[in-house]
Amino acid sequence: QVQLVESGGGLVHPAGSLRLSCAASGFSLPYYAMGWFRQAPGKEREKVSCISNSDGSTYYADSVKGRFTISRDDAKNMVYLQMNSLRPEDTAVYYCATDLTCPVPSTIPSRPLEVWGQGTLVTVSS
């Protein structure tokens, strides 16, 4: 079964940290750039970060640059998002997905899959 499963969300105080994990199964992770996206209540979904599958290069939205770090471990079929210095405006449901539009050098398989996880809620509040 092709799926992505996120974990690691929760309630954190402002300036705190969380590490999100994304477990991939049913498809070959090394074939895909991977991304983290988020959707806050009443807002459109936005791309937070993505990582290449060819050279490890990364992209970050301006709103999280310098605070979030994306990484991947293809041997473990895992993608991570380390979130530091969290702010209330980071509150959202965070999704992991195969990213066919990641703006970094990447390879795309001949029959690409668009796979999304179910999301994990991050709440930043005092």
Foldseek 3Di string as FASTA:
>chain_A
DWAKAKDWADEAAAQAKIKMKIATDDDQVLQFWKFKWWDDPPGDIDTAKIFASPPGDMDGDPVQPPFKDWDDDRVRRMIMIIGGRDDQVVWTWMKMWGDPPGPDDYHHDPDHDTYIHPTDTHGYHD
